[in-house]
Amino acid sequence: MSDSKATPGRVEHFKFDLGDKVIIREINRPGRVEALMIDYLGPQYRVAFWDNSKREGSWLNAEELDAR
């Protein structure tokens, strides 16, 4: 039996959910949240969007997105 105590994890809250429609601020282009991740920067969102007839995707943080 171990005497070590479990340390509680950090609780993160996501501003957007899977499938949410968003606007990518930097390029003013609509997109859709397709994945969520937490890394050392905090919550991240993989957003799929279309650019010049090509489907693109990028990991962005909430400050780079607006709700649509």
PDB file of N, CA and C in Angstrom:
ATOM      1  N   MET A   1       0.842  -1.184   0.000  1.00  0.00           N
ATOM      2  CA  MET A   1       0.000   0.000   0.000  1.00  0.00           C
ATOM      3  C   MET A   1       0.887   1.246   0.000  1.00  0.00           C
ATOM      4  N   SER A   2       0.566   2.199  -0.819  1.00  0.00           N
ATOM      5  CA  SER A   2       1.352   3.422  -0.947  1.00  0.00           C
ATOM      6  C   SER A   2       0.802   4.511  -0.031  1.00  0.00           C
ATOM      7  N   ASP A   3       1.714   5.278   0.553  1.00  0.00           N
ATOM      8  CA  ASP A   3       1.311   6.395   1.408  1.00  0.00           C
ATOM      9  C   ASP A   3       1.190   7.702   0.625  1.00  0.00           C
ATOM     10  N   SER A   4       1.495   7.679  -0.678  1.00  0.00           N
ATOM     11  CA  SER A   4       1.438   8.915  -1.460  1.00  0.00           C
ATOM     12  C   SER A   4      -0.009   9.335  -1.695  1.00  0.00           C
ATOM     13  N   LYS A   5      -0.209  10.627  -1.702  1.00  0.00           N
ATOM     14  CA  LYS A   5      -1.553  11.177  -1.931  1.00  0.00           C
ATOM     15  C   LYS A   5      -1.685  11.588  -3.391  1.00  0.00           C
ATOM     16  N   ALA A   6      -2.822  11.321  -3.942  1.00  0.00           N
ATOM     17  CA  ALA A   6      -3.082  11.742  -5.323  1.00  0.00           C
ATOM     18  C   ALA A   6      -3.251  13.251  -5.365  1.00  0.00           C
ATOM     19  N   THR A   7      -2.644  13.876  -6.346  1.00  0.00           N
ATOM     20  CA  THR A   7      -2.813  15.312  -6.510  1.00  0.00           C
ATOM     21  C   THR A   7      -3.958  15.561  -7.475  1.00  0.00           C
ATOM     22  N   PRO A   8      -4.843  16.476  -7.128  1.00  0.00           N
ATOM     23  CA  PRO A   8      -5.975  16.740  -8.019  1.00  0.00           C
ATOM     24  C   PRO A   8      -5.510  17.362  -9.329  1.00  0.00           C
ATOM     25  N   GLY A   9      -6.178  17.010 -10.406  1.00  0.00           N
ATOM     26  CA  GLY A   9      -5.856  17.564 -11.715  1.00  0.00           C
ATOM     27  C   GLY A   9      -6.402  18.968 -11.881  1.00  0.00           C
ATOM     28  N   ARG A  10      -5.918  19.638 -12.868  1.00  0.00           N
ATOM     29  CA  ARG A  10      -6.387  20.983 -13.184  1.00  0.00           C
ATOM     30  C   ARG A  10      -7.678  20.880 -13.969  1.00  0.00           C
ATOM     31  N   VAL A  11      -8.634  21.705 -13.647  1.00  0.00           N
ATOM     32  CA  VAL A  11      -9.916  21.700 -14.355  1.00  0.00           C
ATOM     33  C   VAL A  11      -9.899  22.804 -15.406  1.00  0.00           C
ATOM     34  N   GLU A  12     -10.171  22.419 -16.634  1.00  0.00           N
ATOM     35  CA  GLU A  12     -10.242  23.377 -17.743  1.00  0.00           C
ATOM     36  C   GLU A  12     -11.662  23.428 -18.268  1.00  0.00           C
ATOM     37  N   HIS A  13     -12.060  24.588 -18.734  1.00  0.00           N
ATOM     38  CA  HIS A  13     -13.382  24.757 -19.331  1.00  0.00           C
ATOM     39  C   HIS A  13     -13.189  25.225 -20.769  1.00  0.00           C
ATOM     40  N   PHE A  14     -13.900  24.594 -21.678  1.00  0.00           N
ATOM     41  CA  PHE A  14     -13.825  24.955 -23.085  1.00  0.00           C
ATOM     42  C   PHE A  14     -14.901  25.978 -23.420  1.00  0.00           C
ATOM     43  N   LYS A  15     -14.515  27.016 -24.141  1.00  0.00           N
ATOM     44  CA  LYS A  15     -15.464  28.044 -24.574  1.00  0.00           C
ATOM     45  C   LYS A  15     -16.328  27.540 -25.733  1.00  0.00           C
ATOM     46  N   PHE A  16     -15.761  26.675 -26.580  1.00  0.00           N
ATOM     47  CA  PHE A  16     -16.467  26.123 -27.734  1.00  0.00           C
ATOM     48  C   PHE A  16     -16.540  24.612 -27.594  1.00  0.00           C
ATOM     49  N   ASP A  17     -17.529  24.000 -28.247  1.00  0.00           N
ATOM     50  CA  ASP A  17     -17.716  22.551 -28.193  1.00  0.00           C
ATOM     51  C   ASP A  17     -17.542  21.966 -29.600  1.00  0.00           C
ATOM     52  N   LEU A  18     -17.436  20.651 -29.669  1.00  0.00           N
ATOM     53  CA  LEU A  18     -17.332  19.985 -30.965  1.00  0.00           C
ATOM     54  C   LEU A  18     -18.522  20.346 -31.854  1.00  0.00           C
ATOM     55  N   GLY A  19     -18.240  20.665 -33.099  1.00  0.00           N
ATOM     56  CA  GLY A  19     -19.292  21.003 -34.047  1.00  0.00           C
ATOM     57  C   GLY A  19     -19.703  22.462 -34.050  1.00  0.00           C
ATOM     58  N   ASP A  20     -19.223  23.250 -33.086  1.00  0.00           N
ATOM     59  CA  ASP A  20     -19.587  24.674 -33.059  1.00  0.00           C
ATOM     60  C   ASP A  20     -19.059  25.389 -34.298  1.00  0.00           C
ATOM     61  N   LYS A  21     -19.867  26.289 -34.820  1.00  0.00           N
ATOM     62  CA  LYS A  21     -19.448  27.134 -35.932  1.00  0.00           C
ATOM     63  C   LYS A  21     -18.760  28.364 -35.365  1.00  0.00           C
ATOM     64  N   VAL A  22     -17.588  28.700 -35.910  1.00  0.00           N
ATOM     65  CA  VAL A  22     -16.789  29.813 -35.418  1.00  0.00           C
ATOM     66  C   VAL A  22     -16.274  30.654 -36.582  1.00  0.00           C
ATOM     67  N   ILE A  23     -15.751  31.816 -36.243  1.00  0.00           N
ATOM     68  CA  ILE A  23     -15.050  32.674 -37.194  1.00  0.00           C
ATOM     69  C   ILE A  23     -13.598  32.755 -36.731  1.00  0.00           C
ATOM     70  N   ILE A  24     -12.667  32.511 -37.641  1.00  0.00           N
ATOM     71  CA  ILE A  24     -11.242  32.647 -37.333  1.00  0.00           C
ATOM     72  C   ILE A  24     -10.898  34.124 -37.505  1.00  0.00           C
ATOM     73  N   ARG A  25     -10.570  34.786 -36.423  1.00  0.00           N
ATOM     74  CA  ARG A  25     -10.382  36.247 -36.433  1.00  0.00           C
ATOM     75  C   ARG A  25      -9.319  36.732 -37.421  1.00  0.00           C
ATOM     76  N   GLU A  26      -8.163  36.098 -37.423  1.00  0.00           N
ATOM     77  CA  GLU A  26      -7.035  36.574 -38.226  1.00  0.00           C
ATOM     78  C   GLU A  26      -7.345  36.629 -39.722  1.00  0.00           C
ATOM     79  N   ILE A  27      -8.117  35.661 -40.208  1.00  0.00           N
ATOM     80  CA  ILE A  27      -8.415  35.618 -41.651  1.00  0.00           C
ATOM     81  C   ILE A  27      -9.891  35.866 -41.946  1.00  0.00           C
ATOM     82  N   ASN A  28     -10.683  36.132 -40.904  1.00  0.00           N
ATOM     83  CA  ASN A  28     -12.111  36.419 -41.044  1.00  0.00           C
ATOM     84  C   ASN A  28     -12.811  35.354 -41.905  1.00  0.00           C
ATOM     85  N   ARG A  29     -12.549  34.076 -41.555  1.00  0.00           N
ATOM     86  CA  ARG A  29     -13.099  32.967 -42.330  1.00  0.00           C
ATOM     87  C   ARG A  29     -13.901  32.052 -41.402  1.00  0.00           C
ATOM     88  N   PRO A  30     -15.061  31.569 -41.860  1.00  0.00           N
ATOM     89  CA  PRO A  30     -15.845  30.653 -41.034  1.00  0.00           C
ATOM     90  C   PRO A  30     -15.203  29.274 -40.962  1.00  0.00           C
ATOM     91  N   GLY A  31     -15.428  28.606 -39.846  1.00  0.00           N
ATOM     92  CA  GLY A  31     -14.917  27.251 -39.663  1.00  0.00           C
ATOM     93  C   GLY A  31     -15.795  26.493 -38.679  1.00  0.00           C
ATOM     94  N   ARG A  32     -15.421  25.242 -38.422  1.00  0.00           N
ATOM     95  CA  ARG A  32     -16.163  24.403 -37.490  1.00  0.00           C
ATOM     96  C   ARG A  32     -15.164  23.678 -36.590  1.00  0.00           C
ATOM     97  N   VAL A  33     -15.439  23.665 -35.275  1.00  0.00           N
ATOM     98  CA  VAL A  33     -14.578  22.982 -34.314  1.00  0.00           C
ATOM     99  C   VAL A  33     -14.719  21.477 -34.525  1.00  0.00           C
ATOM    100  N   GLU A  34     -13.583  20.800 -34.782  1.00  0.00           N
ATOM    101  CA  GLU A  34     -13.624  19.362 -35.027  1.00  0.00           C
ATOM    102  C   GLU A  34     -12.864  18.543 -33.981  1.00  0.00           C
ATOM    103  N   ALA A  35     -12.119  19.201 -33.087  1.00  0.00           N
ATOM    104  CA  ALA A  35     -11.411  18.483 -32.024  1.00  0.00           C
ATOM    105  C   ALA A  35     -11.076  19.446 -30.893  1.00  0.00           C
ATOM    106  N   LEU A  36     -10.948  18.905 -29.691  1.00  0.00           N
ATOM    107  CA  LEU A  36     -10.580  19.672 -28.505  1.00  0.00           C
ATOM    108  C   LEU A  36      -9.334  19.046 -27.894  1.00  0.00           C
ATOM    109  N   MET A  37      -8.458  19.879 -27.324  1.00  0.00           N
ATOM    110  CA  MET A  37      -7.244  19.374 -26.708  1.00  0.00           C
ATOM    111  C   MET A  37      -6.823  20.338 -25.599  1.00  0.00           C
ATOM    112  N   ILE A  38      -6.184  19.791 -24.588  1.00  0.00           N
ATOM    113  CA  ILE A  38      -5.569  20.630 -23.562  1.00  0.00           C
ATOM    114  C   ILE A  38      -4.082  20.354 -23.599  1.00  0.00           C
ATOM    115  N   ASP A  39      -3.292  21.410 -23.782  1.00  0.00           N
ATOM    116  CA  ASP A  39      -1.839  21.272 -23.703  1.00  0.00           C
ATOM    117  C   ASP A  39      -1.315  22.316 -22.726  1.00  0.00           C
ATOM    118  N   TYR A  40      -0.019  22.552 -22.716  1.00  0.00           N
ATOM    119  CA  TYR A  40       0.554  23.486 -21.753  1.00  0.00           C
ATOM    120  C   TYR A  40       0.058  24.922 -21.936  1.00  0.00           C
ATOM    121  N   LEU A  41      -0.500  25.250 -23.081  1.00  0.00           N
ATOM    122  CA  LEU A  41      -1.063  26.574 -23.330  1.00  0.00           C
ATOM    123  C   LEU A  41      -2.517  26.682 -22.865  1.00  0.00           C
ATOM    124  N   GLY A  42      -3.118  25.555 -22.490  1.00  0.00           N
ATOM    125  CA  GLY A  42      -4.528  25.531 -22.087  1.00  0.00           C
ATOM    126  C   GLY A  42      -5.378  24.921 -23.179  1.00  0.00           C
ATOM    127  N   PRO A  43      -6.682  25.191 -23.152  1.00  0.00           N
ATOM    128  CA  PRO A  43      -7.587  24.611 -24.147  1.00  0.00           C
ATOM    129  C   PRO A  43      -7.238  25.052 -25.574  1.00  0.00           C
ATOM    130  N   GLN A  44      -7.250  24.103 -26.492  1.00  0.00           N
ATOM    131  CA  GLN A  44      -7.001  24.359 -27.910  1.00  0.00           C
ATOM    132  C   GLN A  44      -8.146  23.748 -28.719  1.00  0.00           C
ATOM    133  N   TYR A  45      -8.393  24.320 -29.880  1.00  0.00           N
ATOM    134  CA  TYR A  45      -9.486  23.888 -30.747  1.00  0.00           C
ATOM    135  C   TYR A  45      -8.937  23.624 -32.148  1.00  0.00           C
ATOM    136  N   ARG A  46      -9.194  22.447 -32.684  1.00  0.00           N
ATOM    137  CA  ARG A  46      -8.840  22.192 -34.085  1.00  0.00           C
ATOM    138  C   ARG A  46     -10.035  22.626 -34.915  1.00  0.00           C
ATOM    139  N   VAL A  47      -9.794  23.598 -35.777  1.00  0.00           N
ATOM    140  CA  VAL A  47     -10.858  24.183 -36.580  1.00  0.00           C
ATOM    141  C   VAL A  47     -10.628  23.842 -38.049  1.00  0.00           C
ATOM    142  N   ALA A  48     -11.659  23.286 -38.682  1.00  0.00           N
ATOM    143  CA  ALA A  48     -11.624  22.992 -40.117  1.00  0.00           C
ATOM    144  C   ALA A  48     -12.264  24.158 -40.858  1.00  0.00           C
ATOM    145  N   PHE A  49     -11.645  24.546 -41.970  1.00  0.00           N
ATOM    146  CA  PHE A  49     -12.170  25.649 -42.776  1.00  0.00           C
ATOM    147  C   PHE A  49     -11.728  25.453 -44.219  1.00  0.00           C
ATOM    148  N   TRP A  50     -12.375  26.182 -45.118  1.00  0.00           N
ATOM    149  CA  TRP A  50     -12.060  26.097 -46.546  1.00  0.00           C
ATOM    150  C   TRP A  50     -11.265  27.327 -46.963  1.00  0.00           C
ATOM    151  N   ASP A  51     -10.204  27.101 -47.746  1.00  0.00           N
ATOM    152  CA  ASP A  51      -9.368  28.187 -48.243  1.00  0.00           C
ATOM    153  C   ASP A  51      -8.973  27.862 -49.677  1.00  0.00           C
ATOM    154  N   ASN A  52      -9.400  28.697 -50.624  1.00  0.00           N
ATOM    155  CA  ASN A  52      -9.102  28.485 -52.051  1.00  0.00           C
ATOM    156  C   ASN A  52      -9.471  27.070 -52.505  1.00  0.00           C
ATOM    157  N   SER A  53     -10.686  26.658 -52.182  1.00  0.00           N
ATOM    158  CA  SER A  53     -11.242  25.356 -52.572  1.00  0.00           C
ATOM    159  C   SER A  53     -10.505  24.164 -51.954  1.00  0.00           C
ATOM    160  N   LYS A  54      -9.749  24.404 -50.903  1.00  0.00           N
ATOM    161  CA  LYS A  54      -9.017  23.344 -50.217  1.00  0.00           C
ATOM    162  C   LYS A  54      -9.399  23.339 -48.741  1.00  0.00           C
ATOM    163  N   ARG A  55      -9.726  22.150 -48.227  1.00  0.00           N
ATOM    164  CA  ARG A  55     -10.080  22.036 -46.805  1.00  0.00           C
ATOM    165  C   ARG A  55      -8.803  22.095 -45.975  1.00  0.00           C
ATOM    166  N   GLU A  56      -8.789  22.994 -45.004  1.00  0.00           N
ATOM    167  CA  GLU A  56      -7.637  23.183 -44.122  1.00  0.00           C
ATOM    168  C   GLU A  56      -8.062  22.920 -42.688  1.00  0.00           C
ATOM    169  N   GLY A  57      -7.107  22.772 -41.806  1.00  0.00           N
ATOM    170  CA  GLY A  57      -7.368  22.616 -40.387  1.00  0.00           C
ATOM    171  C   GLY A  57      -6.209  23.180 -39.596  1.00  0.00           C
ATOM    172  N   SER A  58      -6.521  23.770 -38.443  1.00  0.00           N
ATOM    173  CA  SER A  58      -5.474  24.380 -37.641  1.00  0.00           C
ATOM    174  C   SER A  58      -5.868  24.345 -36.173  1.00  0.00           C
ATOM    175  N   TRP A  59      -4.874  24.180 -35.282  1.00  0.00           N
ATOM    176  CA  TRP A  59      -5.112  24.267 -33.841  1.00  0.00           C
ATOM    177  C   TRP A  59      -5.039  25.724 -33.433  1.00  0.00           C
ATOM    178  N   LEU A  60      -6.094  26.209 -32.787  1.00  0.00           N
ATOM    179  CA  LEU A  60      -6.199  27.607 -32.367  1.00  0.00           C
ATOM    180  C   LEU A  60      -6.663  27.687 -30.918  1.00  0.00           C
ATOM    181  N   ASN A  61      -6.386  28.820 -30.270  1.00  0.00           N
ATOM    182  CA  ASN A  61      -6.915  29.012 -28.922  1.00  0.00           C
ATOM    183  C   ASN A  61      -8.154  29.897 -28.987  1.00  0.00           C
ATOM    184  N   ALA A  62      -8.888  29.983 -27.892  1.00  0.00           N
ATOM    185  CA  ALA A  62     -10.182  30.687 -27.875  1.00  0.00           C
ATOM    186  C   ALA A  62     -10.044  32.164 -28.256  1.00  0.00           C
ATOM    187  N   GLU A  63      -8.926  32.790 -27.935  1.00  0.00           N
ATOM    188  CA  GLU A  63      -8.727  34.215 -28.251  1.00  0.00           C
ATOM    189  C   GLU A  63      -8.636  34.470 -29.749  1.00  0.00           C
ATOM    190  N   GLU A  64      -8.415  33.416 -30.525  1.00  0.00           N
ATOM    191  CA  GLU A  64      -8.319  33.549 -31.973  1.00  0.00           C
ATOM    192  C   GLU A  64      -9.635  33.271 -32.690  1.00  0.00           C
ATOM    193  N   LEU A  65     -10.702  32.985 -31.907  1.00  0.00           N
ATOM    194  CA  LEU A  65     -11.983  32.587 -32.471  1.00  0.00           C
ATOM    195  C   LEU A  65     -13.127  33.435 -31.944  1.00  0.00           C
ATOM    196  N   ASP A  66     -14.163  33.585 -32.761  1.00  0.00           N
ATOM    197  CA  ASP A  66     -15.425  34.201 -32.358  1.00  0.00           C
ATOM    198  C   ASP A  66     -16.542  33.208 -32.671  1.00  0.00           C
ATOM    199  N   ALA A  67     -17.597  33.249 -31.866  1.00  0.00           N
ATOM    200  CA  ALA A  67     -18.772  32.409 -32.131  1.00  0.00           C
ATOM    201  C   ALA A  67     -19.466  32.920 -33.389  1.00  0.00           C
ATOM    202  N   ARG A  68     -20.060  32.006 -34.143  1.00  0.00           N
ATOM    203  CA  ARG A  68     -20.753  32.393 -35.370  1.00  0.00           C
ATOM    204  C   ARG A  68     -22.229  32.163 -35.197  1.00  0.00           C
TER     205      ARG A  68
END
